[in-house]
C-alpha atoms as a PDB file:
ATOM      1  CA  MET A   1     -17.360   1.286   5.881  1.00  0.00           C
ATOM      2  CA  LEU A   2     -16.364   1.291   2.155  1.00  0.00           C
ATOM      3  CA  GLY A   3     -16.578   5.101   1.728  1.00  0.00           C
ATOM      4  CA  LYS A   4     -14.304   6.164   4.916  1.00  0.00           C
ATOM      5  CA  ARG A   5     -12.031   3.460   3.668  1.00  0.00           C
ATOM      6  CA  LEU A   6     -12.378   4.835   0.232  1.00  0.00           C
ATOM      7  CA  ARG A   7     -11.866   8.344   1.454  1.00  0.00           C
ATOM      8  CA  ALA A   8      -9.161   7.462   3.692  1.00  0.00           C
ATOM      9  CA  LEU A   9      -7.002   5.575   0.628  1.00  0.00           C
ATOM     10  CA  ARG A  10      -7.886   8.488  -1.689  1.00  0.00           C
ATOM     11  CA  LYS A  11      -6.495  11.427   0.469  1.00  0.00           C
ATOM     12  CA  ALA A  12      -3.493   8.824   1.584  1.00  0.00           C
ATOM     13  CA  ARG A  13      -2.495   8.992  -1.941  1.00  0.00           C
ATOM     14  CA  GLY A  14      -2.937  12.911  -2.144  1.00  0.00           C
ATOM     15  CA  LEU A  15      -5.504  12.112  -4.698  1.00  0.00           C
ATOM     16  CA  THR A  16      -9.260  14.258  -5.520  1.00  0.00           C
ATOM     17  CA  GLN A  17     -12.184  12.826  -6.245  1.00  0.00           C
ATOM     18  CA  GLN A  18     -12.001  14.894  -9.682  1.00  0.00           C
ATOM     19  CA  GLU A  19      -8.374  12.582 -10.405  1.00  0.00           C
ATOM     20  CA  LEU A  20      -9.539   9.100  -8.616  1.00  0.00           C
ATOM     21  CA  GLY A  21     -13.097   9.635 -10.930  1.00  0.00           C
ATOM     22  CA  GLU A  22     -10.263   9.743 -13.962  1.00  0.00           C
ATOM     23  CA  LEU A  23      -8.326   7.023 -12.999  1.00  0.00           C
ATOM     24  CA  LEU A  24     -11.867   4.684 -12.753  1.00  0.00           C
ATOM     25  CA  GLY A  25     -13.456   6.516 -16.011  1.00  0.00           C
ATOM     26  CA  ILE A  26     -16.054   7.733 -13.250  1.00  0.00           C
ATOM     27  CA  THR A  27     -17.073  10.993 -12.538  1.00  0.00           C
ATOM     28  CA  ALA A  28     -16.241  12.601  -9.693  1.00  0.00           C
ATOM     29  CA  SER A  29     -19.515  12.640  -8.365  1.00  0.00           C
ATOM     30  CA  ALA A  30     -19.794   9.063  -8.513  1.00  0.00           C
ATOM     31  CA  VAL A  31     -16.544   9.224  -5.773  1.00  0.00           C
ATOM     32  CA  GLY A  32     -18.625  11.463  -3.542  1.00  0.00           C
ATOM     33  CA  MET A  33     -21.654   9.531  -3.602  1.00  0.00           C
ATOM     34  CA  TYR A  34     -19.551   6.438  -3.017  1.00  0.00           C
ATOM     35  CA  GLU A  35     -17.652   8.170   0.448  1.00  0.00           C
ATOM     36  CA  GLN A  36     -20.585   9.282   1.472  1.00  0.00           C
ATOM     37  CA  GLY A  37     -22.361   5.722   1.162  1.00  0.00           C
ATOM     38  CA  ARG A  38     -24.772   6.874  -1.040  1.00  0.00           C
ATOM     39  CA  ARG A  39     -24.257   5.009  -3.856  1.00  0.00           C
ATOM     40  CA  ALA A  40     -21.806   1.698  -3.962  1.00  0.00           C
ATOM     41  CA  PRO A  41     -19.720   0.913  -6.680  1.00  0.00           C
ATOM     42  CA  ASP A  42     -20.223  -1.803  -9.795  1.00  0.00           C
ATOM     43  CA  HIS A  43     -18.343  -5.291  -9.243  1.00  0.00           C
ATOM     44  CA  HIS A  44     -15.760  -3.692 -12.210  1.00  0.00           C
ATOM     45  CA  THR A  45     -15.453  -0.331 -10.288  1.00  0.00           C
ATOM     46  CA  LEU A  46     -14.415  -2.612  -6.892  1.00  0.00           C
ATOM     47  CA  ALA A  47     -12.226  -4.213  -8.678  1.00  0.00           C
ATOM     48  CA  GLU A  48     -10.384  -1.309 -10.291  1.00  0.00           C
ATOM     49  CA  LEU A  49     -10.167   0.549  -6.832  1.00  0.00           C
ATOM     50  CA  CYS A  50      -8.421  -2.819  -5.133  1.00  0.00           C
ATOM     51  CA  ARG A  51      -6.047  -2.769  -7.710  1.00  0.00           C
ATOM     52  CA  LEU A  52      -5.448   0.940  -7.825  1.00  0.00           C
ATOM     53  CA  PHE A  53      -5.221   1.126  -4.056  1.00  0.00           C
ATOM     54  CA  GLN A  54      -3.345  -2.685  -3.855  1.00  0.00           C
ATOM     55  CA  VAL A  55      -5.948  -4.254  -1.422  1.00  0.00           C
ATOM     56  CA  PRO A  56      -8.240  -6.880  -0.954  1.00  0.00           C
ATOM     57  CA  ALA A  57     -11.868  -6.068  -1.846  1.00  0.00           C
ATOM     58  CA  ASP A  58     -12.660  -7.372   1.871  1.00  0.00           C
ATOM     59  CA  TYR A  59     -11.208  -4.241   2.969  1.00  0.00           C
ATOM     60  CA  PHE A  60     -13.890  -2.306   1.244  1.00  0.00           C
ATOM     61  CA  LEU A  61     -16.565  -5.081   1.932  1.00  0.00           C
ATOM     62  CA  LEU A  62     -16.242  -6.317   5.285  1.00  0.00           C
ATOM     63  CA  GLU A  63     -17.078  -4.271   8.437  1.00  0.00           C
ATOM     64  CA  GLU A  64     -14.402  -6.187  11.220  1.00  0.00           C
ATOM     65  CA  SER A  65     -10.489  -4.754  10.842  1.00  0.00           C
ATOM     66  CA  PRO A  66      -7.815  -7.107  10.163  1.00  0.00           C
ATOM     67  CA  PRO A  67      -6.970  -9.177  13.210  1.00  0.00           C
ATOM     68  CA  GLU A  68      -4.365  -7.653  15.287  1.00  0.00           C
ATOM     69  CA  LYS A  69      -0.419  -9.122  14.954  1.00  0.00           C
ATOM     70  CA  GLY A  70       1.682  -9.823  18.057  1.00  0.00           C
ATOM     71  CA  PRO A  71       5.311  -8.207  17.340  1.00  0.00           C
ATOM     72  CA  THR A  72       6.692  -8.750  13.694  1.00  0.00           C
ATOM     73  CA  GLU A  73      10.759  -9.120  13.118  1.00  0.00           C
ATOM     74  CA  LEU A  74      11.704  -6.542  10.820  1.00  0.00           C
ATOM     75  CA  ALA A  75      14.029  -9.123   9.341  1.00  0.00           C
ATOM     76  CA  GLN A  76      11.267 -11.329   8.321  1.00  0.00           C
ATOM     77  CA  MET A  77       8.844  -8.519   7.012  1.00  0.00           C
ATOM     78  CA  LEU A  78      12.176  -7.486   4.411  1.00  0.00           C
ATOM     79  CA  GLU A  79      12.026 -11.156   3.492  1.00  0.00           C
ATOM     80  CA  GLU A  80       8.536 -11.238   3.020  1.00  0.00           C
ATOM     81  CA  PHE A  81       8.731  -7.843   1.004  1.00  0.00           C
ATOM     82  CA  ARG A  82      11.823  -9.424  -1.011  1.00  0.00           C
ATOM     83  CA  GLN A  83       9.739 -12.237  -1.831  1.00  0.00           C
ATOM     84  CA  LYS A  84       6.957 -10.574  -2.872  1.00  0.00           C
ATOM     85  CA  LEU A  85       9.099  -8.765  -5.031  1.00  0.00           C
ATOM     86  CA  MET A  86      10.590 -11.579  -6.716  1.00  0.00           C
ATOM     87  CA  ARG A  87       6.884 -12.671  -7.891  1.00  0.00           C
ATOM     88  CA  GLN A  88       5.740  -9.365  -9.262  1.00  0.00           C
ATOM     89  CA  GLU A  89       5.752  -9.658 -13.252  1.00  0.00           C
ATOM     90  CA  GLY A  90       6.980  -6.819 -14.905  1.00  0.00           C
ATOM     91  CA  LEU A  91       7.996  -5.111 -12.323  1.00  0.00           C
ATOM     92  CA  MET A  92       8.890  -1.346 -12.843  1.00  0.00           C
ATOM     93  CA  PHE A  93      10.773   1.387 -11.452  1.00  0.00           C
ATOM     94  CA  ASN A  94      10.051   4.698 -12.412  1.00  0.00           C
ATOM     95  CA  GLY A  95       9.455   3.507 -16.124  1.00  0.00           C
ATOM     96  CA  VAL A  96      12.433   1.183 -15.839  1.00  0.00           C
ATOM     97  CA  PRO A  97      12.012  -2.392 -15.962  1.00  0.00           C
ATOM     98  CA  LEU A  98      13.861  -4.449 -13.037  1.00  0.00           C
ATOM     99  CA  THR A  99      15.585  -7.770 -12.987  1.00  0.00           C
ATOM    100  CA  ALA A 100      15.522 -10.113 -10.727  1.00  0.00           C
ATOM    101  CA  GLU A 101      19.186  -9.105  -9.816  1.00  0.00           C
ATOM    102  CA  ASP A 102      18.347  -5.335  -9.574  1.00  0.00           C
ATOM    103  CA  VAL A 103      15.375  -6.348  -7.062  1.00  0.00           C
ATOM    104  CA  GLU A 104      18.450  -8.043  -5.503  1.00  0.00           C
ATOM    105  CA  LEU A 105      20.260  -4.545  -5.073  1.00  0.00           C
ATOM    106  CA  VAL A 106      16.908  -2.811  -4.057  1.00  0.00           C
ATOM    107  CA  MET A 107      16.676  -5.071  -1.138  1.00  0.00           C
ATOM    108  CA  ASN A 108      19.788  -5.287  -0.220  1.00  0.00           C
ATOM    109  CA  ALA A 109      20.045  -0.924  -0.318  1.00  0.00           C
ATOM    110  CA  VAL A 110      17.350  -1.318   1.923  1.00  0.00           C
ATOM    111  CA  GLU A 111      18.307  -4.205   4.585  1.00  0.00           C
ATOM    112  CA  VAL A 112      21.399  -1.841   4.739  1.00  0.00           C
ATOM    113  CA  GLY A 113      19.388   1.357   5.448  1.00  0.00           C
ATOM    114  CA  ALA A 114      17.449  -0.639   8.550  1.00  0.00           C
ATOM    115  CA  GLN A 115      20.656  -2.047   9.798  1.00  0.00           C
ATOM    116  CA  VAL A 116      22.041   1.679   9.899  1.00  0.00           C
ATOM    117  CA  ALA A 117      18.798   2.998  11.664  1.00  0.00           C
ATOM    118  CA  VAL A 118      18.780   0.660  13.959  1.00  0.00           C
ATOM    119  CA  SER A 119      22.108   0.796  14.981  1.00  0.00           C
ATOM    120  CA  ARG A 120      21.494   4.977  15.059  1.00  0.00           C
ATOM    121  CA  LEU A 121      18.839   3.648  17.683  1.00  0.00           C
ATOM    122  CA  ALA A 122      20.717   1.598  19.857  1.00  0.00           C
ATOM    123  CA  SER A 123      23.368   4.423  20.063  1.00  0.00           C
ATOM    124  CA  ARG A 124      20.606   7.088  21.410  1.00  0.00           C
ATOM    125  CA  ARG A 125      19.136   4.556  23.628  1.00  0.00           C
ATOM    126  CA  GLU A 126      22.690   3.848  25.322  1.00  0.00           C
ATOM    127  CA  LYS A 127      23.223   7.811  25.437  1.00  0.00           C
ATOM    128  CA  ASN A 128      20.177   8.178  27.260  1.00  0.00           C
ATOM    129  CA  SER A 129      20.578   5.347  29.890  1.00  0.00           C
END
């Protein structure tokens, strides 16, 4: 379980086992053994993996997948994301600290982009109907 998920997260980030090992302060061989299920990370390394990939420890430790959710409203997800960003201390973008006003500007841009995309999709659907 841990191995497959770790490998998927590592590859999704475009990291080699060597690069991940360097980030964690362990060898590439240790990363390979984690991915093969031949060895398990200690608590400190597991915490670092969770921090690095921004997943809860349950993701690595529990067999079951997260429960399936029903349809989700995009506006609701964007609002939840906005709240998460506003609670985040020390938030930066490309090394530049962001203020609450900056976060609002970013979220407004994301919402405008979403509205444009949805409008274009609706137009395409109307043309195809």
